All heavy atoms as atom14 arrays in JSON, in Angstrom:
{
  "sequence": "RPFRYLDRGTMATVGRGAAVVELPWGMTLTGFLA",
  "atom14_mask": [
    [1, 1, 1, 1, 1, 1, 1, 1, 1, 1, 1, 0, 0, 0],
    [1, 1, 1, 1, 1, 1, 1, 0, 0, 0, 0, 0, 0, 0],
    [1, 1, 1, 1, 1, 1, 1, 1, 1, 1, 1, 0, 0, 0],
    [1, 1, 1, 1, 1, 1, 1, 1, 1, 1, 1, 0, 0, 0],
    [1, 1, 1, 1, 1, 1, 1, 1, 1, 1, 1, 1, 0, 0],
    [1, 1, 1, 1, 1, 1, 1, 1, 0, 0, 0, 0, 0, 0],
    [1, 1, 1, 1, 1, 1, 1, 1, 0, 0, 0, 0, 0, 0],
    [1, 1, 1, 1, 1, 1, 1, 1, 1, 1, 1, 0, 0, 0],
    [1, 1, 1, 1, 0, 0, 0, 0, 0, 0, 0, 0, 0, 0],
    [1, 1, 1, 1, 1, 1, 1, 0, 0, 0, 0, 0, 0, 0],
    [1, 1, 1, 1, 1, 1, 1, 1, 0, 0, 0, 0, 0, 0],
    [1, 1, 1, 1, 1, 0, 0, 0, 0, 0, 0, 0, 0, 0],
    [1, 1, 1, 1, 1, 1, 1, 0, 0, 0, 0, 0, 0, 0],
    [1, 1, 1, 1, 1, 1, 1, 0, 0, 0, 0, 0, 0, 0],
    [1, 1, 1, 1, 0, 0, 0, 0, 0, 0, 0, 0, 0, 0],
    [1, 1, 1, 1, 1, 1, 1, 1, 1, 1, 1, 0, 0, 0],
    [1, 1, 1, 1, 0, 0, 0, 0, 0, 0, 0, 0, 0, 0],
    [1, 1, 1, 1, 1, 0, 0, 0, 0, 0, 0, 0, 0, 0],
    [1, 1, 1, 1, 1, 0, 0, 0, 0, 0, 0, 0, 0, 0],
    [1, 1, 1, 1, 1, 1, 1, 0, 0, 0, 0, 0, 0, 0],
    [1, 1, 1, 1, 1, 1, 1, 0, 0, 0, 0, 0, 0, 0],
    [1, 1, 1, 1, 1, 1, 1, 1, 1, 0, 0, 0, 0, 0],
    [1, 1, 1, 1, 1, 1, 1, 1, 0, 0, 0, 0, 0, 0],
    [1, 1, 1, 1, 1, 1, 1, 0, 0, 0, 0, 0, 0, 0],
    [1, 1, 1, 1, 1, 1, 1, 1, 1, 1, 1, 1, 1, 1],
    [1, 1, 1, 1, 0, 0, 0, 0, 0, 0, 0, 0, 0, 0],
    [1, 1, 1, 1, 1, 1, 1, 1, 0, 0, 0, 0, 0, 0],
    [1, 1, 1, 1, 1, 1, 1, 0, 0, 0, 0, 0, 0, 0],
    [1, 1, 1, 1, 1, 1, 1, 1, 0, 0, 0, 0, 0, 0],
    [1, 1, 1, 1, 1, 1, 1, 0, 0, 0, 0, 0, 0, 0],
    [1, 1, 1, 1, 0, 0, 0, 0, 0, 0, 0, 0, 0, 0],
    [1, 1, 1, 1, 1, 1, 1, 1, 1, 1, 1, 0, 0, 0],
    [1, 1, 1, 1, 1, 1, 1, 1, 0, 0, 0, 0, 0, 0],
    [1, 1, 1, 1, 1, 0, 0, 0, 0, 0, 0, 0, 0, 0]
  ],
  "atom14_positions": [
    [[25.95, -8.24, -8.94], [25.2, -8.79, -7.8], [23.8, -9.21, -8.25], [23.22, -8.56, -9.12], [25.06, -7.73, -6.71], [26.34, -7.43, -6.0], [26.04, -6.63, -4.76], [26.87, -5.42, -4.78], [26.65, -4.38, -4.03], [25.63, -4.34, -3.21], [27.44, -3.34, -4.08], [0.0, 0.0, 0.0], [0.0, 0.0, 0.0], [0.0, 0.0, 0.0]],
    [[23.24, -10.24, -7.64], [21.88, -10.63, -8.01], [20.87, -9.57, -7.54], [21.09, -8.88, -6.55], [21.66, -11.96, -7.27], [22.66, -11.96, -6.16], [23.83, -11.13, -6.63], [0.0, 0.0, 0.0], [0.0, 0.0, 0.0], [0.0, 0.0, 0.0], [0.0, 0.0, 0.0], [0.0, 0.0, 0.0], [0.0, 0.0, 0.0], [0.0, 0.0, 0.0]],
    [[19.78, -9.45, -8.28], [18.72, -8.5, -7.95], [17.88, -9.02, -6.79], [17.47, -10.18, -6.77], [17.84, -8.27, -9.17], [16.64, -7.42, -8.89], [16.77, -6.1, -8.52], [15.37, -7.95, -8.98], [15.65, -5.31, -8.26], [14.25, -7.18, -8.73], [14.4, -5.86, -8.37], [0.0, 0.0, 0.0], [0.0, 0.0, 0.0], [0.0, 0.0, 0.0]],
    [[17.64, -8.17, -5.81], [16.76, -8.51, -4.68], [15.63, -7.49, -4.63], [15.87, -6.3, -4.48], [17.53, -8.46, -3.36], [18.51, -9.56, -3.22], [19.06, -9.62, -1.82], [20.26, -10.43, -1.83], [21.3, -10.24, -1.04], [21.29, -9.27, -0.17], [22.34, -11.03, -1.12], [0.0, 0.0, 0.0], [0.0, 0.0, 0.0], [0.0, 0.0, 0.0]],
    [[14.41, -7.98, -4.76], [13.23, -7.12, -4.75], [12.81, -6.82, -3.33], [12.68, -7.72, -2.5], [12.08, -7.78, -5.52], [10.79, -7.03, -5.45], [10.68, -5.77, -6.02], [9.69, -7.57, -4.81], [9.49, -5.07, -5.96], [8.49, -6.89, -4.75], [8.39, -5.63, -5.32], [7.22, -4.93, -5.25], [0.0, 0.0, 0.0], [0.0, 0.0, 0.0]],
    [[12.57, -5.54, -3.03], [12.07, -5.12, -1.72], [10.62, -4.7, -1.89], [10.32, -3.7, -2.56], [12.9, -3.94, -1.19], [12.38, -3.28, 0.08], [12.42, -4.25, 1.25], [13.19, -2.04, 0.39], [0.0, 0.0, 0.0], [0.0, 0.0, 0.0], [0.0, 0.0, 0.0], [0.0, 0.0, 0.0], [0.0, 0.0, 0.0], [0.0, 0.0, 0.0]],
    [[9.7, -5.47, -1.33], [8.27, -5.17, -1.42], [7.96, -3.95, -0.56], [8.18, -3.96, 0.65], [7.45, -6.37, -0.95], [5.96, -6.14, -1.06], [5.54, -5.16, -1.73], [5.2, -6.94, -0.49], [0.0, 0.0, 0.0], [0.0, 0.0, 0.0], [0.0, 0.0, 0.0], [0.0, 0.0, 0.0], [0.0, 0.0, 0.0], [0.0, 0.0, 0.0]],
    [[7.43, -2.91, -1.18], [7.09, -1.69, -0.46], [5.59, -1.57, -0.21], [5.13, -0.56, 0.31], [7.58, -0.49, -1.23], [9.1, -0.46, -1.3], [9.58, 0.76, -1.97], [11.04, 0.79, -1.95], [11.76, 1.6, -2.67], [11.18, 2.47, -3.46], [13.07, 1.56, -2.59], [0.0, 0.0, 0.0], [0.0, 0.0, 0.0], [0.0, 0.0, 0.0]],
    [[4.83, -2.57, -0.59], [3.39, -2.55, -0.35], [2.63, -2.17, -1.61], [3.19, -2.0, -2.68], [0.0, 0.0, 0.0], [0.0, 0.0, 0.0], [0.0, 0.0, 0.0], [0.0, 0.0, 0.0], [0.0, 0.0, 0.0], [0.0, 0.0, 0.0], [0.0, 0.0, 0.0], [0.0, 0.0, 0.0], [0.0, 0.0, 0.0], [0.0, 0.0, 0.0]],
    [[1.32, -2.02, -1.45], [0.42, -1.72, -2.55], [-0.5, -0.58, -2.16], [-0.99, -0.55, -1.02], [-0.42, -2.95, -2.91], [0.46, -4.04, -3.18], [-1.3, -2.71, -4.11], [0.0, 0.0, 0.0], [0.0, 0.0, 0.0], [0.0, 0.0, 0.0], [0.0, 0.0, 0.0], [0.0, 0.0, 0.0], [0.0, 0.0, 0.0], [0.0, 0.0, 0.0]],
    [[-0.76, 0.34, -3.09], [-1.66, 1.46, -2.84], [-2.62, 1.61, -4.0], [-2.24, 1.42, -5.15], [-0.87, 2.77, -2.69], [0.17, 2.78, -1.62], [1.01, 4.36, -1.58], [0.4, 4.97, -0.03], [0.0, 0.0, 0.0], [0.0, 0.0, 0.0], [0.0, 0.0, 0.0], [0.0, 0.0, 0.0], [0.0, 0.0, 0.0], [0.0, 0.0, 0.0]],
    [[-3.86, 1.98, -3.69], [-4.84, 2.24, -4.74], [-5.85, 3.26, -4.24], [-6.31, 3.17, -3.1], [-5.57, 0.96, -5.13], [0.0, 0.0, 0.0], [0.0, 0.0, 0.0], [0.0, 0.0, 0.0], [0.0, 0.0, 0.0], [0.0, 0.0, 0.0], [0.0, 0.0, 0.0], [0.0, 0.0, 0.0], [0.0, 0.0, 0.0], [0.0, 0.0, 0.0]],
    [[-6.18, 4.23, -5.09], [-7.24, 5.17, -4.73], [-8.57, 4.54, -5.13], [-8.68, 3.86, -6.16], [-7.09, 6.52, -5.43], [-7.06, 6.32, -6.83], [-5.83, 7.24, -4.98], [0.0, 0.0, 0.0], [0.0, 0.0, 0.0], [0.0, 0.0, 0.0], [0.0, 0.0, 0.0], [0.0, 0.0, 0.0], [0.0, 0.0, 0.0], [0.0, 0.0, 0.0]],
    [[-9.56, 4.76, -4.3], [-10.89, 4.22, -4.56], [-11.8, 5.32, -5.06], [-12.69, 5.1, -5.86], [-11.46, 3.56, -3.28], [-12.84, 3.03, -3.52], [-10.53, 2.48, -2.79], [0.0, 0.0, 0.0], [0.0, 0.0, 0.0], [0.0, 0.0, 0.0], [0.0, 0.0, 0.0], [0.0, 0.0, 0.0], [0.0, 0.0, 0.0], [0.0, 0.0, 0.0]],
    [[-11.58, 6.53, -4.6], [-12.39, 7.67, -5.0], [-11.87, 8.92, -4.31], [-10.81, 8.9, -3.69], [0.0, 0.0, 0.0], [0.0, 0.0, 0.0], [0.0, 0.0, 0.0], [0.0, 0.0, 0.0], [0.0, 0.0, 0.0], [0.0, 0.0, 0.0], [0.0, 0.0, 0.0], [0.0, 0.0, 0.0], [0.0, 0.0, 0.0], [0.0, 0.0, 0.0]],
    [[-12.63, 9.99, -4.4], [-12.23, 11.25, -3.77], [-12.2, 11.06, -2.26], [-13.23, 10.84, -1.62], [-13.21, 12.34, -4.15], [-12.8, 13.72, -3.73], [-13.81, 14.75, -4.15], [-14.01, 14.77, -5.6], [-13.38, 15.59, -6.43], [-12.5, 16.43, -5.97], [-13.64, 15.55, -7.72], [0.0, 0.0, 0.0], [0.0, 0.0, 0.0], [0.0, 0.0, 0.0]],
    [[-11.01, 11.11, -1.68], [-10.88, 10.99, -0.23], [-10.88, 9.57, 0.3], [-11.03, 9.37, 1.5], [0.0, 0.0, 0.0], [0.0, 0.0, 0.0], [0.0, 0.0, 0.0], [0.0, 0.0, 0.0], [0.0, 0.0, 0.0], [0.0, 0.0, 0.0], [0.0, 0.0, 0.0], [0.0, 0.0, 0.0], [0.0, 0.0, 0.0], [0.0, 0.0, 0.0]],
    [[-10.72, 8.58, -0.57], [-10.71, 7.19, -0.11], [-9.66, 6.38, -0.87], [-9.48, 6.57, -2.07], [-12.08, 6.55, -0.3], [0.0, 0.0, 0.0], [0.0, 0.0, 0.0], [0.0, 0.0, 0.0], [0.0, 0.0, 0.0], [0.0, 0.0, 0.0], [0.0, 0.0, 0.0], [0.0, 0.0, 0.0], [0.0, 0.0, 0.0], [0.0, 0.0, 0.0]],
    [[-8.97, 5.52, -0.15], [-7.95, 4.67, -0.76], [-7.73, 3.44, 0.1], [-8.26, 3.34, 1.21], [-6.64, 5.44, -0.91], [0.0, 0.0, 0.0], [0.0, 0.0, 0.0], [0.0, 0.0, 0.0], [0.0, 0.0, 0.0], [0.0, 0.0, 0.0], [0.0, 0.0, 0.0], [0.0, 0.0, 0.0], [0.0, 0.0, 0.0], [0.0, 0.0, 0.0]],
    [[-6.94, 2.52, -0.42], [-6.54, 1.32, 0.31], [-5.03, 1.22, 0.22], [-4.45, 1.37, -0.85], [-7.18, 0.05, -0.3], [-6.7, -1.19, 0.42], [-8.69, 0.15, -0.26], [0.0, 0.0, 0.0], [0.0, 0.0, 0.0], [0.0, 0.0, 0.0], [0.0, 0.0, 0.0], [0.0, 0.0, 0.0], [0.0, 0.0, 0.0], [0.0, 0.0, 0.0]],
    [[-4.39, 0.98, 1.35], [-2.94, 0.81, 1.41], [-2.65, -0.49, 2.13], [-3.1, -0.69, 3.26], [-2.26, 1.98, 2.16], [-0.78, 1.74, 2.31], [-2.53, 3.3, 1.45], [0.0, 0.0, 0.0], [0.0, 0.0, 0.0], [0.0, 0.0, 0.0], [0.0, 0.0, 0.0], [0.0, 0.0, 0.0], [0.0, 0.0, 0.0], [0.0, 0.0, 0.0]],
    [[-1.94, -1.39, 1.48], [-1.5, -2.64, 2.1], [0.0, -2.55, 2.28], [0.75, -2.51, 1.3], [-1.87, -3.84, 1.24], [-3.36, -4.08, 1.16], [-3.7, -5.28, 0.3], [-2.79, -5.91, -0.27], [-4.9, -5.59, 0.21], [0.0, 0.0, 0.0], [0.0, 0.0, 0.0], [0.0, 0.0, 0.0], [0.0, 0.0, 0.0], [0.0, 0.0, 0.0]],
    [[0.45, -2.51, 3.51], [1.87, -2.41, 3.81], [2.5, -3.79, 3.78], [1.84, -4.8, 4.0], [2.06, -1.73, 5.16], [1.48, -0.31, 5.21], [1.48, 0.22, 6.63], [2.26, 0.61, 4.3], [0.0, 0.0, 0.0], [0.0, 0.0, 0.0], [0.0, 0.0, 0.0], [0.0, 0.0, 0.0], [0.0, 0.0, 0.0], [0.0, 0.0, 0.0]],
    [[3.8, -3.87, 3.5], [4.44, -5.18, 3.31], [4.43, -6.07, 4.54], [4.55, -7.28, 4.42], [5.88, -4.84, 2.9], [6.07, -3.41, 3.17], [4.72, -2.77, 3.25], [0.0, 0.0, 0.0], [0.0, 0.0, 0.0], [0.0, 0.0, 0.0], [0.0, 0.0, 0.0], [0.0, 0.0, 0.0], [0.0, 0.0, 0.0], [0.0, 0.0, 0.0]],
    [[4.28, -5.52, 5.73], [4.29, -6.36, 6.94], [2.88, -6.75, 7.37], [2.69, -7.25, 8.45], [5.04, -5.67, 8.08], [4.55, -4.29, 8.4], [3.52, -3.95, 9.21], [5.07, -3.08, 7.9], [3.36, -2.59, 9.24], [4.3, -2.03, 8.44], [6.11, -2.75, 7.04], [4.55, -0.69, 8.15], [6.33, -1.42, 6.75], [5.57, -0.42, 7.31]],
    [[1.88, -6.52, 6.49], [0.54, -7.03, 6.73], [-0.49, -6.03, 7.2], [-1.67, -6.33, 7.23], [0.0, 0.0, 0.0], [0.0, 0.0, 0.0], [0.0, 0.0, 0.0], [0.0, 0.0, 0.0], [0.0, 0.0, 0.0], [0.0, 0.0, 0.0], [0.0, 0.0, 0.0], [0.0, 0.0, 0.0], [0.0, 0.0, 0.0], [0.0, 0.0, 0.0]],
    [[-0.09, -4.83, 7.56], [-1.04, -3.82, 8.02], [-1.77, -3.22, 6.82], [-1.2, -3.04, 5.76], [-0.29, -2.72, 8.77], [-1.17, -1.7, 9.38], [-0.12, -0.55, 10.31], [-1.25, 0.76, 10.56], [0.0, 0.0, 0.0], [0.0, 0.0, 0.0], [0.0, 0.0, 0.0], [0.0, 0.0, 0.0], [0.0, 0.0, 0.0], [0.0, 0.0, 0.0]],
    [[-3.06, -2.92, 7.0], [-3.88, -2.32, 5.94], [-4.51, -1.03, 6.45], [-5.07, -1.01, 7.55], [-4.98, -3.3, 5.49], [-4.36, -4.49, 5.0], [-5.83, -2.71, 4.4], [0.0, 0.0, 0.0], [0.0, 0.0, 0.0], [0.0, 0.0, 0.0], [0.0, 0.0, 0.0], [0.0, 0.0, 0.0], [0.0, 0.0, 0.0], [0.0, 0.0, 0.0]],
    [[-4.42, 0.01, 5.65], [-5.08, 1.28, 5.94], [-6.18, 1.48, 4.91], [-6.01, 1.12, 3.74], [-4.11, 2.45, 5.83], [-2.9, 2.48, 6.75], [-1.98, 3.64, 6.36], [-3.34, 2.64, 8.19], [0.0, 0.0, 0.0], [0.0, 0.0, 0.0], [0.0, 0.0, 0.0], [0.0, 0.0, 0.0], [0.0, 0.0, 0.0], [0.0, 0.0, 0.0]],
    [[-7.29, 2.07, 5.32], [-8.36, 2.37, 4.38], [-8.89, 3.77, 4.69], [-8.64, 4.32, 5.75], [-9.52, 1.36, 4.49], [-10.03, 1.37, 5.82], [-9.08, -0.05, 4.13], [0.0, 0.0, 0.0], [0.0, 0.0, 0.0], [0.0, 0.0, 0.0], [0.0, 0.0, 0.0], [0.0, 0.0, 0.0], [0.0, 0.0, 0.0], [0.0, 0.0, 0.0]],
    [[-9.65, 4.31, 3.73], [-10.31, 5.58, 3.94], [-9.43, 6.79, 3.71], [-8.5, 6.79, 2.9], [0.0, 0.0, 0.0], [0.0, 0.0, 0.0], [0.0, 0.0, 0.0], [0.0, 0.0, 0.0], [0.0, 0.0, 0.0], [0.0, 0.0, 0.0], [0.0, 0.0, 0.0], [0.0, 0.0, 0.0], [0.0, 0.0, 0.0], [0.0, 0.0, 0.0]],
    [[-9.73, 7.85, 4.48], [-9.08, 9.14, 4.29], [-7.58, 9.09, 4.61], [-6.77, 9.68, 3.89], [-9.79, 10.2, 5.15], [-9.3, 11.59, 4.9], [-9.62, 12.25, 3.72], [-8.52, 12.24, 5.84], [-9.16, 13.54, 3.48], [-8.06, 13.53, 5.61], [-8.39, 14.17, 4.43], [0.0, 0.0, 0.0], [0.0, 0.0, 0.0], [0.0, 0.0, 0.0]],
    [[-7.2, 8.41, 5.68], [-5.79, 8.31, 6.05], [-4.99, 7.61, 4.94], [-3.89, 8.04, 4.59], [-5.62, 7.57, 7.38], [-4.2, 7.42, 7.88], [-3.56, 8.78, 8.12], [-4.18, 6.61, 9.17], [0.0, 0.0, 0.0], [0.0, 0.0, 0.0], [0.0, 0.0, 0.0], [0.0, 0.0, 0.0], [0.0, 0.0, 0.0], [0.0, 0.0, 0.0]],
    [[-5.54, 6.56, 4.37], [-4.88, 5.86, 3.27], [-4.78, 6.77, 2.05], [-3.76, 6.78, 1.35], [-5.64, 4.58, 2.92], [0.0, 0.0, 0.0], [0.0, 0.0, 0.0], [0.0, 0.0, 0.0], [0.0, 0.0, 0.0], [0.0, 0.0, 0.0], [0.0, 0.0, 0.0], [0.0, 0.0, 0.0], [0.0, 0.0, 0.0], [0.0, 0.0, 0.0]]
  ]
}
């Protein structure tokens, strides 16, 4: 079967207690929750 990529989003820590999360449907979380 051909390979199909499923985008699960992007995550990165910025520092202690801070991060950025970009979800595949366009929502972005920042800060402590991320």
